[in-house]
N, C-alpha and C. Protein backbone atom coordinates (compact mmCIF):
# COMPACT_ATOMS: atom_id res chain seq x y z
N MET A 1 -0.78 -9.48 -6.16
CA MET A 1 0.72 -8.99 -5.55
C MET A 1 0.10 -8.50 -4.22
N ASN A 2 1.51 -8.72 -3.27
CA ASN A 2 0.66 -8.45 -2.04
C ASN A 2 1.47 -7.07 -1.72
N ILE A 3 1.03 -6.17 -0.69
CA ILE A 3 1.33 -5.06 -0.51
C ILE A 3 2.84 -4.82 0.32
N ILE A 4 2.66 -6.04 1.35
CA ILE A 4 3.61 -5.91 2.25
C ILE A 4 4.93 -6.74 1.26
N GLN A 5 6.17 -6.02 1.40
CA GLN A 5 7.34 -6.91 0.83
C GLN A 5 8.52 -6.87 1.98
N TRP A 6 8.75 -8.46 2.20
CA TRP A 6 9.87 -8.70 3.41
C TRP A 6 10.72 -7.94 3.12
N ARG A 7 11.66 -7.18 3.82
CA ARG A 7 13.08 -6.80 3.69
C ARG A 7 14.02 -8.10 3.30
N ASP A 8 14.01 -9.34 4.20
CA ASP A 8 14.75 -10.11 4.08
C ASP A 8 13.86 -11.50 4.66
N ILE A 9 13.44 -12.19 3.28
CA ILE A 9 12.34 -13.24 3.56
C ILE A 9 12.87 -14.21 4.47
N ASN A 10 14.27 -14.06 4.55
CA ASN A 10 15.22 -15.31 5.37
C ASN A 10 15.66 -14.96 7.19
N ASP A 11 15.08 -13.56 6.90
CA ASP A 11 15.35 -13.04 8.40
C ASP A 11 13.94 -11.93 8.63
N LEU A 12 13.04 -12.49 9.15
CA LEU A 12 11.83 -11.51 9.04
C LEU A 12 11.76 -10.49 10.26
N SER A 13 12.93 -10.49 11.05
CA SER A 13 13.17 -9.26 12.15
C SER A 13 13.78 -8.08 11.75
N ARG A 14 14.02 -8.05 10.52
CA ARG A 14 14.44 -7.14 9.56
C ARG A 14 13.42 -6.02 9.40
N GLY A 15 12.33 -6.67 9.19
CA GLY A 15 10.84 -5.86 9.01
C GLY A 15 10.45 -5.81 7.43
N PHE A 16 9.75 -4.91 7.42
CA PHE A 16 9.02 -5.51 5.98
C PHE A 16 8.49 -3.88 5.14
N ILE A 17 8.52 -3.81 3.96
CA ILE A 17 8.41 -2.24 3.83
C ILE A 17 6.94 -2.38 2.34
N LEU A 18 6.32 -1.37 2.28
CA LEU A 18 4.54 -1.73 1.29
C LEU A 18 5.10 -0.94 0.12
N ASP A 19 4.75 -2.12 -0.88
CA ASP A 19 5.35 -1.85 -2.10
C ASP A 19 3.93 -1.06 -2.75
N LEU A 20 3.93 0.27 -3.02
CA LEU A 20 2.75 0.68 -3.46
C LEU A 20 3.02 0.90 -4.71
N GLU A 21 3.97 1.18 -5.26
CA GLU A 21 4.28 1.15 -6.85
C GLU A 21 3.85 0.28 -7.67
N ASN A 22 4.10 -0.91 -7.14
CA ASN A 22 3.97 -2.48 -7.74
C ASN A 22 2.60 -2.92 -7.37
N CYS A 23 1.83 -2.62 -6.67
CA CYS A 23 0.52 -3.33 -6.10
C CYS A 23 -0.28 -2.98 -7.37
N THR A 24 -1.19 -4.15 -7.28
CA THR A 24 -2.54 -3.44 -8.13
C THR A 24 -3.46 -2.38 -7.42
N PHE A 25 -4.56 -1.77 -8.38
CA PHE A 25 -5.33 -1.04 -7.68
C PHE A 25 -6.31 -1.28 -6.87
N PRO A 26 -6.53 -2.70 -7.27
CA PRO A 26 -7.98 -3.18 -5.78
C PRO A 26 -7.05 -3.38 -4.47
N VAL A 27 -5.91 -3.70 -4.85
CA VAL A 27 -5.09 -4.22 -3.43
C VAL A 27 -4.96 -2.47 -2.79
N LEU A 28 -4.42 -1.78 -3.71
CA LEU A 28 -3.92 -0.40 -3.45
C LEU A 28 -5.32 0.26 -2.23
N PHE A 29 -6.55 0.52 -3.04
CA PHE A 29 -7.81 0.88 -2.74
C PHE A 29 -8.46 -0.07 -1.77
N SER A 30 -8.06 -1.24 -1.14
CA SER A 30 -8.51 -2.21 -0.31
C SER A 30 -7.92 -1.62 0.91
N ILE A 31 -7.15 -0.75 0.98
CA ILE A 31 -6.70 -0.03 2.25
C ILE A 31 -7.78 0.31 2.89
N TYR A 32 -8.58 1.74 1.77
CA TYR A 32 -9.72 2.39 2.23
C TYR A 32 -10.89 1.40 2.46
N SER A 33 -10.96 0.49 2.10
CA SER A 33 -12.35 -0.19 2.14
C SER A 33 -12.27 -1.55 2.91
N GLU A 34 -11.26 -1.86 3.46
CA GLU A 34 -11.24 -3.19 4.10
C GLU A 34 -10.01 -2.94 5.29
N PRO A 35 -9.97 -1.96 6.07
CA PRO A 35 -9.19 -1.33 7.18
C PRO A 35 -9.04 -2.48 8.05
N ALA A 36 -9.73 -3.25 8.31
CA ALA A 36 -9.61 -4.09 9.45
C ALA A 36 -8.96 -5.20 9.09
N SER A 37 -8.70 -5.65 7.77
CA SER A 37 -7.71 -6.90 7.38
C SER A 37 -6.78 -6.01 7.28
N HIS A 38 -6.60 -5.15 6.98
CA HIS A 38 -4.95 -4.46 6.87
C HIS A 38 -4.39 -4.34 8.00
N VAL A 39 -5.15 -4.13 9.28
CA VAL A 39 -4.45 -3.91 10.59
C VAL A 39 -4.04 -5.24 10.82
N GLU A 40 -5.38 -6.14 10.65
CA GLU A 40 -4.63 -7.61 10.95
C GLU A 40 -3.56 -7.91 10.37
N ALA A 41 -3.53 -7.78 8.91
CA ALA A 41 -1.98 -8.37 8.33
C ALA A 41 -0.76 -7.63 8.67
N PHE A 42 -0.99 -6.46 9.02
CA PHE A 42 0.11 -5.71 9.75
C PHE A 42 0.25 -6.26 11.06
N THR A 43 -0.83 -6.57 12.20
CA THR A 43 -0.37 -7.25 13.54
C THR A 43 0.05 -8.27 13.00
N GLU A 44 -0.01 -9.23 12.17
CA GLU A 44 0.62 -10.13 12.20
C GLU A 44 1.94 -10.05 11.51
N ALA A 45 2.08 -9.40 10.48
CA ALA A 45 3.92 -9.31 10.31
C ALA A 45 4.35 -8.70 11.46
N PHE A 46 3.95 -7.62 12.19
CA PHE A 46 4.98 -7.56 13.55
C PHE A 46 4.66 -8.71 14.08
N GLN A 47 4.04 -9.26 14.67
CA GLN A 47 4.32 -10.72 15.40
C GLN A 47 5.36 -11.50 14.58
N MET A 48 5.39 -11.63 13.69
CA MET A 48 6.33 -12.30 12.53
C MET A 48 7.60 -11.98 12.91
N MET A 49 8.07 -10.41 12.96
CA MET A 49 8.97 -10.08 13.59
C MET A 49 9.37 -10.15 14.88
N GLY A 50 8.83 -10.44 15.62
CA GLY A 50 8.99 -10.96 17.31
C GLY A 50 8.24 -9.83 18.21
N PHE A 51 7.33 -9.19 17.71
CA PHE A 51 6.70 -8.11 18.86
C PHE A 51 5.82 -8.72 19.36
N HIS A 52 5.55 -8.71 20.92
CA HIS A 52 4.49 -9.13 21.70
C HIS A 52 3.01 -8.86 20.56
N GLU A 53 1.99 -9.14 21.37
CA GLU A 53 0.64 -9.43 20.30
C GLU A 53 0.12 -7.70 20.56
N ALA A 54 0.30 -7.48 21.88
CA ALA A 54 -0.12 -6.12 22.42
C ALA A 54 0.54 -5.05 21.16
N ASP A 55 1.95 -5.32 21.53
CA ASP A 55 2.94 -4.53 20.68
C ASP A 55 2.53 -4.33 19.33
N ALA A 56 2.22 -5.07 18.78
CA ALA A 56 2.08 -5.41 17.48
C ALA A 56 0.76 -5.00 16.83
N LYS A 57 -0.18 -4.89 17.92
CA LYS A 57 -1.47 -4.57 17.23
C LYS A 57 -1.35 -3.13 17.72
N HIS A 58 -0.47 -2.42 18.57
CA HIS A 58 -0.40 -1.03 18.48
C HIS A 58 0.55 -0.52 17.23
N HIS A 59 1.43 -0.99 17.12
CA HIS A 59 2.19 -0.65 15.80
C HIS A 59 1.48 -0.90 14.76
N ALA A 60 0.52 -1.98 14.30
CA ALA A 60 0.11 -1.92 13.25
C ALA A 60 -1.25 -1.25 12.96
N VAL A 61 -1.62 -0.57 14.12
CA VAL A 61 -2.71 0.59 13.56
C VAL A 61 -2.17 1.80 13.24
N GLU A 62 -0.69 1.94 13.87
CA GLU A 62 0.04 3.25 13.36
C GLU A 62 0.28 3.21 12.24
N TYR A 63 0.89 1.88 12.10
CA TYR A 63 1.09 1.63 10.58
C TYR A 63 0.41 1.82 9.31
N TYR A 64 -1.10 1.40 9.82
CA TYR A 64 -2.18 1.48 8.85
C TYR A 64 -2.38 2.87 8.72
N GLU A 65 -2.08 3.93 9.52
CA GLU A 65 -2.76 5.17 9.78
C GLU A 65 -1.55 6.01 8.76
N LYS A 66 -0.29 5.78 8.80
CA LYS A 66 0.66 5.97 8.10
C LYS A 66 0.63 5.66 6.68
N THR A 67 0.13 4.54 6.53
CA THR A 67 -0.35 3.75 5.05
C THR A 67 -1.23 4.48 4.45
N ARG A 68 -2.13 4.98 4.89
CA ARG A 68 -3.61 5.60 4.20
C ARG A 68 -2.80 7.24 3.73
N LEU A 69 -1.81 7.73 4.78
CA LEU A 69 -1.05 8.77 4.54
C LEU A 69 -0.55 8.70 3.24
N ALA A 70 0.24 7.71 3.15
CA ALA A 70 1.23 7.48 2.39
C ALA A 70 0.17 7.34 0.87
N ILE A 71 -0.34 6.49 0.96
CA ILE A 71 -1.21 6.69 -0.20
C ILE A 71 -1.92 7.86 -0.75
N ASP A 72 -2.68 8.49 0.02
CA ASP A 72 -3.07 9.87 -0.35
C ASP A 72 -2.07 10.53 -1.30
N LYS A 73 -0.73 10.80 -0.52
CA LYS A 73 0.38 11.30 -1.35
C LYS A 73 0.53 10.64 -2.21
N PHE A 74 0.47 9.30 -2.49
CA PHE A 74 0.79 8.76 -4.14
C PHE A 74 -0.41 8.91 -5.01
N ILE A 75 -1.83 8.99 -4.60
CA ILE A 75 -2.86 9.39 -5.36
C ILE A 75 -2.77 11.06 -5.79
N ASP A 76 -2.33 12.11 -5.09
CA ASP A 76 -2.09 13.13 -5.14
C ASP A 76 -1.28 13.61 -6.16
N ARG A 77 -0.30 12.59 -6.13
CA ARG A 77 1.10 12.71 -7.25
C ARG A 77 0.45 12.66 -8.58
N TYR A 78 -0.24 11.60 -8.72
CA TYR A 78 -1.06 11.43 -10.06
C TYR A 78 -2.55 12.42 -10.43
N ARG A 79 -2.67 12.95 -8.99
CA ARG A 79 -3.83 14.06 -9.24
C ARG A 79 -3.53 15.39 -9.89
N ASP A 80 -2.53 15.61 -9.85
CA ASP A 80 -1.83 16.95 -10.56
C ASP A 80 -1.49 16.64 -11.62
N MET A 81 -1.22 15.41 -12.39
CA MET A 81 -0.35 15.14 -13.58
C MET A 81 -1.72 15.85 -14.73
N PRO A 82 -1.03 16.09 -15.66
CA PRO A 82 -2.08 16.95 -16.75
C PRO A 82 -2.39 15.88 -17.75
N VAL A 83 -3.71 16.10 -17.99
CA VAL A 83 -4.07 14.94 -19.27
C VAL A 83 -4.28 15.73 -20.41
N SER A 84 -4.05 14.85 -21.19
CA SER A 84 -3.50 15.08 -22.92
C SER A 84 -4.46 14.12 -23.45
N TYR A 85 -5.12 14.56 -24.37
CA TYR A 85 -5.95 13.93 -25.35
C TYR A 85 -5.51 13.91 -26.74
N ALA A 86 -5.29 12.79 -27.02
CA ALA A 86 -5.02 12.45 -28.65
C ALA A 86 -6.37 11.79 -29.25
N PRO A 87 -6.98 12.13 -30.33
CA PRO A 87 -7.67 11.78 -31.08
C PRO A 87 -7.62 10.33 -31.35
N PRO A 88 -8.69 9.49 -31.70
CA PRO A 88 -8.07 8.01 -32.24
C PRO A 88 -7.37 8.16 -33.66
N ALA A 89 -6.86 7.27 -34.12
CA ALA A 89 -5.84 7.04 -35.31
C ALA A 89 -6.96 7.17 -36.22
N ASN A 90 -8.05 6.77 -35.90
CA ASN A 90 -8.99 6.62 -37.66
C ASN A 90 -9.73 8.20 -37.73
N THR A 91 -9.80 8.87 -36.74
CA THR A 91 -10.34 10.29 -36.99
C THR A 91 -9.79 11.04 -38.01
N VAL A 92 -10.70 11.78 -38.68
CA VAL A 92 -10.09 12.46 -39.78
C VAL A 92 -10.36 13.75 -39.06
N THR A 93 -9.35 14.69 -39.29
CA THR A 93 -9.65 16.01 -38.93
C THR A 93 -9.27 16.77 -40.00
N HIS A 94 -10.09 18.13 -39.96
CA HIS A 94 -9.78 19.11 -40.74
C HIS A 94 -9.35 20.47 -40.57
């Protein structure tokens, strides 16, 4: 699953969103492990939207930084969830 989802595949100038809810964990965590490839992908996305190369690169770096913050918040939301433990069904309790 790609992290970038176009708002309108027939009109790329309408922009894109990041689909954090439906992407896989390897893709999600690749934001941290492969920053250059994501900045490059964001640059290409902005160019496909019609931005000039220098502007696309500038926006891509900003968007990457915002993406990292969004993922940090996404992870924090799950970090605060309580963990409950249920013994396996074949465990005998007394």
